[in-house]
Amino acid sequence: MDSKIVIFSVCTLDFSPDMSYLVSGDADGKCYVWDWNTTKLYKKFKN
């Protein structure tokens, strides 16, 4: 059995005003926008 360890350090979380998206930022300067209804990554930004 193969296993994979993923370490992800979240620095901040916030929701869009209509609660349809979750935005997270990490220590590497990346920003992720998640579709809250589908739980899929909508967009990724790098600073």
Protein backbone atom coordinates (compact mmCIF):
# COMPACT_ATOMS: atom_id res chain seq x y z
CA MET A 1 0.00 0.00 0.00
CA ASP A 2 1.42 3.38 -1.01
CA SER A 3 0.81 6.33 1.23
CA LYS A 4 1.33 10.00 0.60
CA ILE A 5 1.79 12.67 3.23
CA VAL A 6 0.73 16.17 2.29
CA ILE A 7 1.70 19.08 4.51
CA PHE A 8 -0.11 22.32 3.80
CA SER A 9 0.30 25.33 6.05
CA VAL A 10 -2.70 27.64 5.90
CA CYS A 11 -2.09 31.18 7.11
CA THR A 12 -5.54 32.62 6.54
CA LEU A 13 -9.09 31.63 5.55
CA ASP A 14 -12.05 33.73 4.49
CA PHE A 15 -15.37 33.33 2.67
CA SER A 16 -16.77 35.40 -0.17
CA PRO A 17 -19.68 37.68 0.88
CA ASP A 18 -22.24 35.23 -0.55
CA MET A 19 -20.49 32.22 1.08
CA SER A 20 -19.99 30.47 -2.27
CA TYR A 21 -16.17 30.57 -2.22
CA LEU A 22 -13.52 29.89 0.39
CA VAL A 23 -10.20 31.69 0.00
CA SER A 24 -7.05 30.37 1.66
CA GLY A 25 -3.50 31.68 1.72
CA ASP A 26 -0.31 29.87 2.65
CA ALA A 27 3.16 30.76 3.90
CA ASP A 28 4.63 30.48 0.38
CA GLY A 29 2.51 33.38 -0.89
CA LYS A 30 -0.02 31.24 -2.74
CA CYS A 31 -3.72 32.04 -2.67
CA TYR A 32 -6.37 29.41 -3.40
CA VAL A 33 -10.02 30.01 -4.22
CA TRP A 34 -12.25 27.01 -3.56
CA ASP A 35 -15.82 26.52 -4.74
CA TRP A 36 -17.54 25.85 -1.42
CA ASN A 37 -20.46 23.95 -3.01
CA THR A 38 -18.39 21.53 -5.10
CA THR A 39 -15.27 21.56 -2.84
CA LYS A 40 -13.12 21.89 -5.98
CA LEU A 41 -10.26 24.31 -6.54
CA TYR A 42 -11.59 27.23 -8.59
CA LYS A 43 -8.39 29.28 -9.03
CA LYS A 44 -4.83 29.50 -7.72
CA PHE A 45 -2.64 32.61 -7.53
CA LYS A 46 1.07 32.92 -6.72
CA ASN A 47 2.51 36.14 -5.32
